[in-house]
Amino acid sequence: MLDENILPDNSLPTDTDALDIDSTAAEMQQYIDMLEINEPLLAAEFITIDNELPIEHLDDDEILATVQEKDEDDEKAAEPQPDISLKLALESVDNLLQFVGNPPKELLFDLKTVSILRLLRSKISRYQIDTLRQSQIDRFITITS
């Protein structure tokens, strides 16, 4: 009677597979020994480490639950943050500058921190001025058209 399988069963190890693993392990061990690591993992342990780890078999419902949780987390992260007005941003930076200028006795700030806050305030202020100029130019063009 003919064998029902057309292709050979490659899932079963052969003697040549065992020899290949042994020679690979020996070669890997030589390289590991050259690394001079304290208490290194043996090559044979490294090769067979997956055999020692418990493998969880998840059913369809568990897989779906995991994917749906991930999707919900992504949606929360993708929610748009409320826009902060330029006025509020400038007020906030001013509050920080006042705090840094008069901190509690235990809290010290270096000059670099103050410089960064001043630079931030300057950039926001310039952006606000440029935005106002552009809106005035746009209004002028609209009125004259």
Protein backbone atom coordinates (compact mmCIF):
# COMPACT_ATOMS: atom_id res chain seq x y z
CA MET A 1 0.00 0.00 0.00
CA LEU A 2 1.24 3.48 -0.87
CA ASP A 3 2.00 6.11 1.75
CA GLU A 4 -0.83 8.66 1.94
CA ASN A 5 1.57 11.59 2.27
CA ILE A 6 3.19 12.81 -0.88
CA LEU A 7 5.83 14.95 0.83
CA PRO A 8 8.15 13.56 3.49
CA ASP A 9 7.42 14.46 7.10
CA ASN A 10 10.08 17.07 7.92
CA SER A 11 8.84 17.60 11.45
CA LEU A 12 10.67 14.54 12.75
CA PRO A 13 14.38 15.02 13.41
CA THR A 14 16.79 12.85 11.55
CA ASP A 15 20.25 11.68 12.58
CA THR A 16 21.82 14.31 10.32
CA ASP A 17 19.74 17.03 12.03
CA ALA A 18 21.13 15.96 15.40
CA LEU A 19 24.66 16.08 14.04
CA ASP A 20 24.06 19.55 12.58
CA ILE A 21 22.78 20.80 15.94
CA ASP A 22 25.75 19.31 17.79
CA SER A 23 28.28 20.86 15.39
CA THR A 24 26.46 24.21 15.51
CA ALA A 25 26.40 24.11 19.31
CA ALA A 26 30.10 23.32 19.45
CA GLU A 27 30.92 26.18 17.07
CA MET A 28 28.71 28.60 19.01
CA GLN A 29 30.31 27.52 22.27
CA GLN A 30 33.74 28.41 20.89
CA TYR A 31 32.51 31.91 20.06
CA ILE A 32 30.82 32.29 23.44
CA ASP A 33 34.03 31.28 25.21
CA MET A 34 35.94 33.95 23.28
CA LEU A 35 33.62 36.67 24.68
CA GLU A 36 35.05 36.29 28.21
CA ILE A 37 31.67 36.84 29.90
CA ASN A 38 31.15 35.85 33.54
CA GLU A 39 28.74 32.92 33.75
CA PRO A 40 27.75 32.82 30.07
CA LEU A 41 24.83 30.81 28.78
CA LEU A 42 25.96 27.54 27.26
CA ALA A 43 25.37 27.15 23.54
CA ALA A 44 23.25 24.04 24.05
CA GLU A 45 21.09 25.95 26.55
CA PHE A 46 20.74 28.80 24.09
CA ILE A 47 19.67 26.49 21.26
CA THR A 48 17.10 24.66 23.37
CA ILE A 49 15.83 27.62 25.40
CA ASP A 50 12.54 27.71 23.49
CA ASN A 51 11.87 24.11 24.49
CA GLU A 52 11.98 25.11 28.16
CA LEU A 53 9.59 28.05 27.89
CA PRO A 54 5.91 27.29 28.41
CA ILE A 55 3.92 28.05 25.29
CA GLU A 56 0.43 29.43 25.78
CA HIS A 57 -2.14 28.38 23.28
CA LEU A 58 -4.66 31.17 22.91
CA ASP A 59 -8.12 30.55 21.62
CA ASP A 60 -9.82 32.89 19.16
CA ASP A 61 -11.68 34.84 21.85
CA GLU A 62 -8.46 35.61 23.76
CA ILE A 63 -6.74 36.78 20.59
CA LEU A 64 -9.68 39.02 19.68
CA ALA A 65 -9.81 40.47 23.20
CA THR A 66 -6.10 41.31 23.06
CA VAL A 67 -6.37 42.97 19.65
CA GLN A 68 -9.48 44.94 20.64
CA GLU A 69 -7.78 46.23 23.80
CA LYS A 70 -4.88 47.41 21.64
CA ASP A 71 -7.29 49.17 19.26
CA GLU A 72 -9.01 50.98 22.17
CA ASP A 73 -5.63 52.13 23.50
CA ASP A 74 -4.67 53.42 20.05
CA GLU A 75 -7.97 55.31 19.76
CA LYS A 76 -7.42 56.98 23.14
CA ALA A 77 -3.91 58.02 22.11
CA ALA A 78 -5.18 59.32 18.76
CA GLU A 79 -7.84 61.58 20.31
CA PRO A 80 -7.01 65.16 19.46
CA GLN A 81 -5.80 67.31 22.30
CA PRO A 82 -7.66 70.56 22.86
CA ASP A 83 -6.06 73.55 21.18
CA ILE A 84 -4.34 75.94 23.55
CA SER A 85 -4.61 79.58 22.60
CA LEU A 86 -1.51 81.68 22.15
CA LYS A 87 -2.74 83.94 24.93
CA LEU A 88 -3.00 81.01 27.36
CA ALA A 89 0.42 79.70 26.30
CA LEU A 90 2.02 83.10 26.95
CA GLU A 91 0.27 83.41 30.31
CA SER A 92 1.50 79.96 31.28
CA VAL A 93 5.10 80.73 30.33
CA ASP A 94 4.86 84.04 32.24
CA ASN A 95 3.63 82.13 35.30
CA LEU A 96 6.56 79.74 35.00
CA LEU A 97 9.00 82.63 34.68
CA GLN A 98 7.55 84.23 37.81
CA PHE A 99 7.81 80.92 39.67
CA VAL A 100 11.40 80.38 38.55
CA GLY A 101 12.21 83.99 39.48
CA ASN A 102 10.87 83.51 43.03
CA PRO A 103 11.19 79.78 43.81
CA PRO A 104 10.86 78.20 47.26
CA LYS A 105 14.13 78.19 49.17
CA GLU A 106 14.71 74.45 48.61
CA LEU A 107 14.24 74.68 44.86
CA LEU A 108 17.00 76.16 42.72
CA PHE A 109 17.05 76.78 38.97
CA ASP A 110 20.10 77.37 36.84
CA LEU A 111 20.40 80.17 34.30
CA LYS A 112 19.97 77.73 31.42
CA THR A 113 16.43 76.91 32.59
CA VAL A 114 15.50 80.58 32.77
CA SER A 115 17.05 81.18 29.33
CA ILE A 116 15.02 78.36 27.81
CA LEU A 117 11.79 79.73 29.27
CA ARG A 118 12.59 83.23 27.99
CA LEU A 119 13.39 81.83 24.55
CA LEU A 120 10.12 79.90 24.55
CA ARG A 121 8.20 83.03 25.50
CA SER A 122 9.96 84.99 22.77
CA LYS A 123 9.14 82.40 20.10
CA ILE A 124 5.46 82.24 21.11
CA SER A 125 5.26 86.03 21.19
CA ARG A 126 6.87 86.36 17.73
CA TYR A 127 4.51 83.74 16.34
CA GLN A 128 1.53 85.61 17.79
CA ILE A 129 2.70 88.90 16.23
CA ASP A 130 3.31 87.24 12.85
CA THR A 131 -0.12 85.64 12.97
CA LEU A 132 -1.77 88.99 13.75
CA ARG A 133 0.12 90.66 10.88
CA GLN A 134 -0.92 87.95 8.44
CA SER A 135 -4.56 88.17 9.49
CA GLN A 136 -4.48 91.97 9.01
CA ILE A 137 -2.96 91.51 5.53
CA ASP A 138 -5.62 88.90 4.70
CA ARG A 139 -8.39 91.27 5.86
CA PHE A 140 -6.95 94.14 3.82
CA ILE A 141 -6.80 91.99 0.70
CA THR A 142 -10.37 90.78 1.28
CA ILE A 143 -11.68 94.32 1.75
CA THR A 144 -9.91 95.73 -1.30
CA SER A 145 -10.92 92.86 -3.57
